[in-house]
Amino acid sequence: MYEQVRLLKTITLINGYDGSISLQQYLKNWFKENKNAGSRDRKIYTALVYNYFRIKGAATNYNQQALVVAAAAIDEITQPLHEAWKVETPEWQTAISNEIKFPLEDHVAAAVDKEALFAALKKQPAVFIRVKQAMLGEVKQECINKGYEFTIDGNTMRFAKNHPLTDMKTFANGDFEIQDIASQQTIQLIQPNKNEAWWDCCAGSGGKSLMLLAHQPQVQLFVADIRKSILDNLKERFNRNGIINYSALIVDLTKSETFQRLPLFDGIIADVPCSGSGTWTRTPEWLSFFDEQLLLEHVGRQRTIVENICQQLKPGGKLIYLTCSVFSDENESNVAYFTQHLPLQLVEQKYFQYSSEGGDTLFGAVLKKN
């Protein structure tokens, strides 16, 4: 009876989600309304719902109950439920009639390893941190003391499991930042020089800016975003790292009049709003809710943003165009559009794919203004 109640509640929880907000926020709201769900209950339901969307993909013909039973087989915490449920639902191994692993698969760029990308969708993604080189020993020791298992490559540490890393003393001291491995590798394209002026125009919470400053602290940095709350997070993050010499502003990059008073820049980082399809291992709900209309909206917005910010780039200056998308429409096709319609020439473009390591897939291009 207990297991059956769990099953029915999981199905109800899934059916209540419509994709209008993130799955993370939906579950947070649901748990807030259902305070009788304890810590273990929250972990179980979270695992079941996330894994349901992971294995469902973009399929439209499936047995929902059987799919929940199949989802329960993925995580250790839900394995006992799977063992109980599969007795009554033997068809769990054939829950999906028309498997569609990824929406708009024909739009995925040829340079992306689809096999690795799709295989990663079935697994819990890893967590990566970028550690200040001088503090690597301290961070490693604190992780060891806490019993956190990790692997290390240079100053990047990888955790296969989620841990409360933000509770660590070394995090509070600004000794490391949580940043996906693919995102860390984009520094290969950024490469600022001393005394240059740089604008991180879609800064978010400042991950790329922090990496830029770690590489070259003597730059004049401007950061911007349309969301005040995100810039507040950036300010907190910068304070933790002891960074005070920068300018922050709220702008709508689709409206050039909101930033025309800015100076001209030697470099602009445009980590533009996108489908996020290279990060869907972390947000698998989009496998079910993304469609071509959304893709077209993203592409249109990206082109408008780049057309506007290009005006703020000095002749000879670099535009670093970044997305966390695997769709060629948002990447190579957009770059071709930019070079055809704007005074920009392509220097380099590449994908940073870390699917096999539990990381994300990002695209980056360096464009130079004529």
Protein backbone atom coordinates (compact mmCIF):
# COMPACT_ATOMS: atom_id res chain seq x y z
CA MET A 1 0.00 0.00 0.00
CA TYR A 2 2.80 2.42 0.93
CA GLU A 3 4.59 1.83 -2.38
CA GLN A 4 1.34 2.23 -4.37
CA VAL A 5 0.66 5.58 -2.71
CA ARG A 6 4.15 6.69 -3.71
CA LEU A 7 3.51 5.67 -7.29
CA LEU A 8 0.19 7.50 -7.54
CA LYS A 9 1.61 10.60 -5.88
CA THR A 10 4.56 10.64 -8.30
CA ILE A 11 2.22 10.45 -11.30
CA THR A 12 0.09 13.27 -9.86
CA LEU A 13 3.23 15.34 -9.32
CA ILE A 14 4.36 14.80 -12.92
CA ASN A 15 0.93 15.58 -14.38
CA GLY A 16 0.82 18.86 -12.46
CA TYR A 17 3.88 20.18 -14.28
CA ASP A 18 3.22 22.17 -17.46
CA GLY A 19 6.67 23.54 -18.33
CA SER A 20 5.77 27.17 -17.61
CA ILE A 21 8.43 27.37 -14.87
CA SER A 22 11.56 25.33 -14.28
CA LEU A 23 11.10 21.85 -12.86
CA GLN A 24 13.34 22.83 -9.97
CA GLN A 25 11.06 25.74 -9.05
CA TYR A 26 7.93 23.63 -9.52
CA LEU A 27 9.20 20.98 -7.10
CA LYS A 28 10.30 23.64 -4.64
CA ASN A 29 6.79 25.13 -4.69
CA TRP A 30 5.20 21.70 -4.34
CA PHE A 31 7.31 20.75 -1.34
CA LYS A 32 6.51 24.10 0.26
CA GLU A 33 2.80 23.35 -0.10
CA ASN A 34 3.24 19.75 1.08
CA LYS A 35 5.18 20.23 4.28
CA ASN A 36 4.52 16.65 5.38
CA ALA A 37 7.14 15.52 2.87
CA GLY A 38 10.34 14.99 4.85
CA SER A 39 13.92 15.29 3.65
CA ARG A 40 14.05 11.71 2.35
CA ASP A 41 10.64 12.09 0.68
CA ARG A 42 11.87 15.19 -1.17
CA LYS A 43 14.95 13.35 -2.40
CA ILE A 44 12.86 10.40 -3.60
CA TYR A 45 10.26 12.46 -5.45
CA THR A 46 12.92 14.72 -6.96
CA ALA A 47 14.86 11.70 -8.26
CA LEU A 48 11.71 10.06 -9.65
CA VAL A 49 10.45 13.15 -11.47
CA TYR A 50 13.81 14.18 -12.91
CA ASN A 51 14.60 10.64 -14.07
CA TYR A 52 11.12 10.32 -15.56
CA PHE A 53 11.82 13.28 -17.85
CA ARG A 54 15.34 11.98 -18.56
CA ILE A 55 14.14 8.69 -20.00
CA LYS A 56 10.92 10.02 -21.53
CA GLY A 57 12.84 12.40 -23.78
CA ALA A 58 10.57 13.81 -26.48
CA ALA A 59 8.47 10.64 -26.77
CA THR A 60 4.72 11.08 -27.24
CA ASN A 61 3.56 7.45 -27.15
CA TYR A 62 4.30 5.80 -23.81
CA ASN A 63 2.85 4.07 -20.75
CA GLN A 64 3.19 6.68 -18.02
CA GLN A 65 3.02 4.32 -15.04
CA ALA A 66 5.55 1.97 -16.61
CA LEU A 67 7.79 4.97 -17.31
CA VAL A 68 7.73 5.97 -13.62
CA VAL A 69 8.67 2.40 -12.69
CA ALA A 70 11.55 2.54 -15.17
CA ALA A 71 12.65 5.90 -13.72
CA ALA A 72 12.82 4.35 -10.26
CA ALA A 73 15.51 1.94 -11.48
CA ILE A 74 18.04 4.72 -12.11
CA ASP A 75 18.82 6.10 -8.64
CA GLU A 76 19.95 4.15 -5.59
CA ILE A 77 17.47 5.96 -3.35
CA THR A 78 14.50 4.87 -5.50
CA GLN A 79 15.70 1.33 -6.25
CA PRO A 80 13.54 -0.29 -3.49
CA LEU A 81 10.45 1.31 -5.04
CA HIS A 82 11.42 -0.03 -8.44
CA GLU A 83 11.71 -3.56 -7.04
CA ALA A 84 8.24 -3.29 -5.50
CA TRP A 85 6.56 -1.61 -8.48
CA LYS A 86 7.95 -3.79 -11.26
CA VAL A 87 6.06 -6.82 -9.92
CA GLU A 88 2.75 -5.15 -10.76
CA THR A 89 4.08 -3.41 -13.87
CA PRO A 90 6.15 -5.96 -15.82
CA GLU A 91 5.92 -3.82 -18.98
CA TRP A 92 8.25 -1.20 -17.46
CA GLN A 93 11.08 -2.24 -19.80
CA THR A 94 8.99 -1.34 -22.86
CA ALA A 95 7.31 1.78 -21.47
CA ILE A 96 8.01 3.88 -24.59
CA SER A 97 6.59 2.94 -27.98
CA ASN A 98 8.20 5.70 -30.05
CA GLU A 99 11.53 6.61 -28.48
CA ILE A 100 12.59 10.15 -29.39
CA LYS A 101 15.71 10.87 -27.37
CA PHE A 102 16.00 14.56 -28.21
CA PRO A 103 13.62 17.18 -29.62
CA LEU A 104 14.60 18.63 -33.01
CA GLU A 105 17.37 16.06 -33.35
CA ASP A 106 17.89 17.04 -36.98
CA HIS A 107 18.91 20.52 -35.79
CA VAL A 108 21.76 19.21 -33.62
CA ALA A 109 25.09 20.33 -35.08
CA ALA A 110 27.16 17.81 -37.01
CA ALA A 111 30.17 18.63 -34.81
CA VAL A 112 28.36 17.36 -31.70
CA ASP A 113 28.81 13.72 -30.68
CA LYS A 114 25.14 12.74 -30.53
CA GLU A 115 25.79 9.31 -29.07
CA ALA A 116 27.65 10.78 -26.09
CA LEU A 117 25.10 13.59 -25.73
CA PHE A 118 22.10 11.24 -25.64
CA ALA A 119 23.82 8.74 -23.34
CA ALA A 120 24.54 11.52 -20.83
CA LEU A 121 20.84 12.39 -20.64
CA LYS A 122 20.17 9.13 -18.82
CA LYS A 123 22.62 9.92 -16.02
CA GLN A 124 22.96 12.34 -13.14
CA PRO A 125 25.40 15.08 -14.27
CA ALA A 126 28.60 15.71 -12.36
CA VAL A 127 29.50 18.87 -10.43
CA PHE A 128 32.68 20.78 -11.26
CA ILE A 129 34.53 23.51 -9.43
CA ARG A 130 37.29 25.87 -10.55
CA VAL A 131 39.82 26.31 -7.76
CA LYS A 132 42.28 29.16 -7.31
CA GLN A 133 45.64 27.55 -8.00
CA ALA A 134 47.22 28.80 -4.77
CA MET A 135 44.35 27.39 -2.69
CA LEU A 136 44.14 23.95 -4.31
CA GLY A 137 45.68 22.17 -1.33
CA GLU A 138 43.28 23.74 1.17
CA VAL A 139 40.20 22.94 -0.93
CA LYS A 140 41.31 19.34 -1.50
CA GLN A 141 41.96 18.83 2.20
CA GLU A 142 38.57 20.19 3.25
CA CYS A 143 36.86 17.88 0.77
CA ILE A 144 38.84 14.92 2.10
CA ASN A 145 37.94 15.86 5.68
CA LYS A 146 34.26 15.95 4.75
CA GLY A 147 34.42 12.62 2.93
CA TYR A 148 33.62 14.08 -0.49
CA GLU A 149 34.98 11.89 -3.27
CA PHE A 150 36.46 13.76 -6.22
CA THR A 151 38.83 13.59 -9.14
CA ILE A 152 41.11 16.42 -10.13
CA ASP A 153 42.58 17.74 -13.37
CA GLY A 154 44.71 20.84 -13.06
CA ASN A 155 42.71 23.26 -10.93
CA THR A 156 39.37 21.65 -11.82
CA MET A 157 37.75 19.24 -9.37
CA ARG A 158 34.92 16.88 -10.35
CA PHE A 159 32.32 15.41 -7.99
CA ALA A 160 30.13 12.53 -9.18
CA LYS A 161 27.62 13.23 -6.41
CA ASN A 162 25.99 16.41 -5.16
CA HIS A 163 27.48 17.77 -1.95
CA PRO A 164 26.72 20.97 0.00
CA LEU A 165 29.80 22.65 -1.46
CA THR A 166 28.53 26.15 -0.72
CA ASP A 167 28.67 25.30 3.00
CA MET A 168 32.42 24.78 2.85
CA LYS A 169 34.77 27.23 4.53
CA THR A 170 36.94 27.45 1.43
CA PHE A 171 33.90 28.42 -0.63
CA ALA A 172 33.05 31.23 1.81
CA ASN A 173 36.66 32.40 1.51
CA GLY A 174 36.35 32.61 -2.29
CA ASP A 175 38.87 29.82 -2.90
CA PHE A 176 36.74 28.12 -5.56
CA GLU A 177 33.72 28.65 -7.78
CA ILE A 178 31.15 26.10 -8.91
CA GLN A 179 31.44 26.15 -12.69
CA ASP A 180 30.89 23.42 -15.26
CA ILE A 181 33.98 22.07 -17.01
CA ALA A 182 32.74 23.17 -20.45
CA SER A 183 32.19 26.70 -19.18
CA GLN A 184 35.68 26.74 -17.70
CA GLN A 185 37.21 25.82 -21.06
CA THR A 186 35.76 28.88 -22.81
CA ILE A 187 38.67 30.91 -21.39
CA GLN A 188 40.56 29.49 -24.40
CA LEU A 189 38.55 31.91 -26.56
CA ILE A 190 38.39 34.94 -24.27
CA GLN A 191 42.11 35.74 -23.73
CA PRO A 192 42.03 39.38 -22.49
CA ASN A 193 45.12 41.59 -22.55
CA LYS A 194 46.35 43.96 -19.86
CA ASN A 195 44.57 47.36 -19.64
CA GLU A 196 41.84 46.41 -22.12
CA ALA A 197 38.17 47.33 -21.62
CA TRP A 198 35.83 44.31 -21.58
CA TRP A 199 32.05 44.03 -21.35
CA ASP A 200 30.37 40.86 -20.13
CA CYS A 201 27.02 41.87 -21.55
CA CYS A 202 24.96 38.80 -20.50
CA ALA A 203 26.86 38.34 -17.28
CA GLY A 204 24.38 36.30 -15.27
CA SER A 205 25.96 35.64 -11.89
CA GLY A 206 29.42 36.47 -13.21
CA GLY A 207 31.13 33.12 -13.82
CA LYS A 208 32.80 34.15 -17.09
CA SER A 209 33.86 37.53 -15.64
CA LEU A 210 35.47 35.87 -12.63
CA MET A 211 37.36 33.57 -14.97
CA LEU A 212 38.43 36.53 -17.12
CA LEU A 213 39.75 38.39 -14.07
CA ALA A 214 41.57 35.30 -12.82
CA HIS A 215 43.32 35.16 -16.20
CA GLN A 216 44.00 38.90 -16.46
CA PRO A 217 43.13 41.02 -13.38
CA GLN A 218 44.24 44.29 -14.98
CA VAL A 219 41.27 44.96 -17.24
CA GLN A 220 38.51 47.54 -17.09
CA LEU A 221 35.42 45.38 -16.58
CA PHE A 222 31.77 46.19 -17.22
CA VAL A 223 29.06 43.64 -16.45
CA ALA A 224 25.40 43.78 -17.41
CA ASP A 225 22.21 41.76 -17.26
CA ILE A 226 18.50 42.44 -17.65
CA ARG A 227 17.73 40.95 -14.21
CA LYS A 228 18.52 42.93 -11.05
CA SER A 229 18.30 39.81 -8.89
CA ILE A 230 21.00 38.12 -10.96
CA LEU A 231 23.28 41.15 -10.71
CA ASP A 232 22.74 41.09 -6.94
CA ASN A 233 24.01 37.50 -6.99
CA LEU A 234 26.97 38.64 -9.08
CA LYS A 235 27.79 41.36 -6.56
CA GLU A 236 27.72 38.84 -3.71
CA ARG A 237 29.94 36.48 -5.69
CA PHE A 238 32.41 39.26 -6.56
CA ASN A 239 32.52 40.40 -2.92
CA ARG A 240 33.39 36.86 -1.83
CA ASN A 241 36.29 37.00 -4.26
CA GLY A 242 37.41 40.45 -3.14
CA ILE A 243 36.57 42.09 -6.49
CA ILE A 244 35.42 45.71 -6.27
CA ASN A 245 36.79 47.42 -9.39
CA TYR A 246 34.03 46.90 -11.95
CA SER A 247 30.92 48.62 -13.25
CA ALA A 248 27.51 46.91 -13.27
CA LEU A 249 24.35 47.98 -15.04
CA ILE A 250 20.89 46.66 -15.88
CA VAL A 251 20.26 46.68 -19.63
CA ASP A 252 17.92 45.14 -22.16
CA LEU A 253 20.24 44.09 -24.98
CA THR A 254 17.35 43.95 -27.44
CA LYS A 255 17.03 47.74 -27.01
CA SER A 256 20.28 49.47 -27.92
CA GLU A 257 19.17 52.78 -26.43
CA THR A 258 19.60 51.28 -22.95
CA PHE A 259 23.39 51.08 -23.29
CA GLN A 260 24.43 53.62 -25.96
CA ARG A 261 26.25 55.73 -23.36
CA LEU A 262 28.72 52.94 -22.67
CA PRO A 263 32.28 53.31 -24.00
CA LEU A 264 33.64 51.23 -26.86
CA PHE A 265 35.23 47.94 -25.82
CA ASP A 266 38.26 45.90 -26.79
CA GLY A 267 36.31 42.76 -26.05
CA ILE A 268 32.70 41.75 -25.48
CA ILE A 269 31.59 38.43 -24.00
CA ALA A 270 28.09 37.61 -25.23
CA ASP A 271 26.93 34.46 -23.44
CA VAL A 272 23.52 34.91 -25.02
CA PRO A 273 20.14 33.54 -23.85
CA CYS A 274 19.60 30.28 -25.69
CA SER A 275 17.78 26.94 -25.69
CA GLY A 276 20.19 25.58 -23.08
CA SER A 277 20.10 22.27 -24.97
CA GLY A 278 23.73 21.56 -24.08
CA THR A 279 22.74 21.53 -20.40
CA TRP A 280 19.55 19.46 -20.55
CA THR A 281 21.14 16.74 -18.42
CA ARG A 282 20.52 19.26 -15.59
CA THR A 283 17.10 20.43 -16.84
CA PRO A 284 15.64 17.31 -18.55
CA GLU A 285 12.11 18.72 -18.52
CA TRP A 286 13.01 20.64 -21.69
CA LEU A 287 13.28 17.34 -23.56
CA SER A 288 9.48 17.21 -23.29
CA PHE A 289 8.61 20.89 -23.63
CA PHE A 290 10.99 22.37 -26.21
CA ASP A 291 9.78 22.93 -29.79
CA GLU A 292 10.78 24.61 -33.05
CA GLN A 293 8.87 27.80 -32.29
CA LEU A 294 10.96 28.33 -29.14
CA LEU A 295 14.12 27.69 -31.14
CA LEU A 296 13.14 30.34 -33.71
CA GLU A 297 12.44 32.83 -30.92
CA HIS A 298 15.89 32.23 -29.43
CA VAL A 299 17.62 32.67 -32.80
CA GLY A 300 15.78 35.94 -33.47
CA ARG A 301 16.67 37.31 -30.05
CA GLN A 302 20.32 36.28 -30.40
CA ARG A 303 20.65 38.07 -33.74
CA THR A 304 19.09 41.24 -32.34
CA ILE A 305 21.44 41.20 -29.34
CA VAL A 306 24.58 40.77 -31.43
CA GLU A 307 23.47 43.42 -33.95
CA ASN A 308 23.06 45.86 -31.06
CA ILE A 309 26.19 45.11 -29.04
CA CYS A 310 28.38 45.11 -32.15
CA GLN A 311 28.02 48.90 -32.11
CA GLN A 312 29.93 48.99 -28.81
CA LEU A 313 32.95 47.09 -30.13
CA LYS A 314 36.10 48.94 -31.18
CA PRO A 315 37.46 48.33 -34.68
CA GLY A 316 39.71 45.30 -34.30
CA GLY A 317 37.93 44.34 -31.10
CA LYS A 318 36.83 40.79 -30.29
CA LEU A 319 33.28 39.53 -29.80
CA ILE A 320 33.16 36.22 -27.92
CA TYR A 321 29.84 34.64 -28.87
CA LEU A 322 28.82 31.83 -26.50
CA THR A 323 25.81 29.55 -26.11
CA CYS A 324 25.06 26.42 -24.10
CA SER A 325 23.23 25.01 -27.12
CA VAL A 326 23.85 22.04 -29.41
CA PHE A 327 21.57 23.36 -32.16
CA SER A 328 23.41 24.64 -35.26
CA ASP A 329 20.69 27.29 -35.72
CA GLU A 330 21.93 29.09 -32.60
CA ASN A 331 25.60 28.46 -33.34
CA GLU A 332 27.22 28.01 -36.77
CA SER A 333 24.18 29.37 -38.64
CA ASN A 334 24.10 32.47 -36.47
CA VAL A 335 27.83 33.02 -36.87
CA ALA A 336 27.38 32.84 -40.65
CA TYR A 337 24.56 35.40 -40.37
CA PHE A 338 26.73 37.73 -38.27
CA THR A 339 29.64 37.66 -40.75
CA GLN A 340 27.29 38.28 -43.68
CA HIS A 341 25.29 41.15 -42.15
CA LEU A 342 27.67 42.80 -39.67
CA PRO A 343 31.25 44.13 -39.83
CA LEU A 344 32.52 40.94 -38.21
CA GLN A 345 34.86 38.25 -39.42
CA LEU A 346 35.19 34.78 -37.96
CA VAL A 347 38.46 33.97 -36.23
CA GLU A 348 37.55 30.66 -34.60
CA GLN A 349 34.54 28.59 -33.59
CA LYS A 350 34.31 25.33 -31.67
CA TYR A 351 32.24 23.14 -29.37
CA PHE A 352 33.25 22.32 -25.82
CA GLN A 353 31.58 18.95 -25.25
CA TYR A 354 32.04 17.10 -21.97
CA SER A 355 29.06 14.74 -22.09
CA SER A 356 31.14 11.65 -21.30
CA GLU A 357 32.57 13.32 -18.19
CA GLY A 358 29.14 14.35 -16.88
CA GLY A 359 29.56 17.93 -18.04
CA ASP A 360 27.76 20.27 -20.41
CA THR A 361 28.19 21.12 -24.09
CA LEU A 362 28.88 24.74 -25.02
CA PHE A 363 29.58 26.52 -28.30
CA GLY A 364 31.93 29.44 -28.70
CA ALA A 365 33.07 31.69 -31.54
CA VAL A 366 35.58 34.53 -31.72
CA LEU A 367 34.54 37.29 -34.14
CA LYS A 368 36.73 40.30 -34.93
CA LYS A 369 35.28 43.66 -35.90
CA ASN A 370 36.50 45.01 -39.24
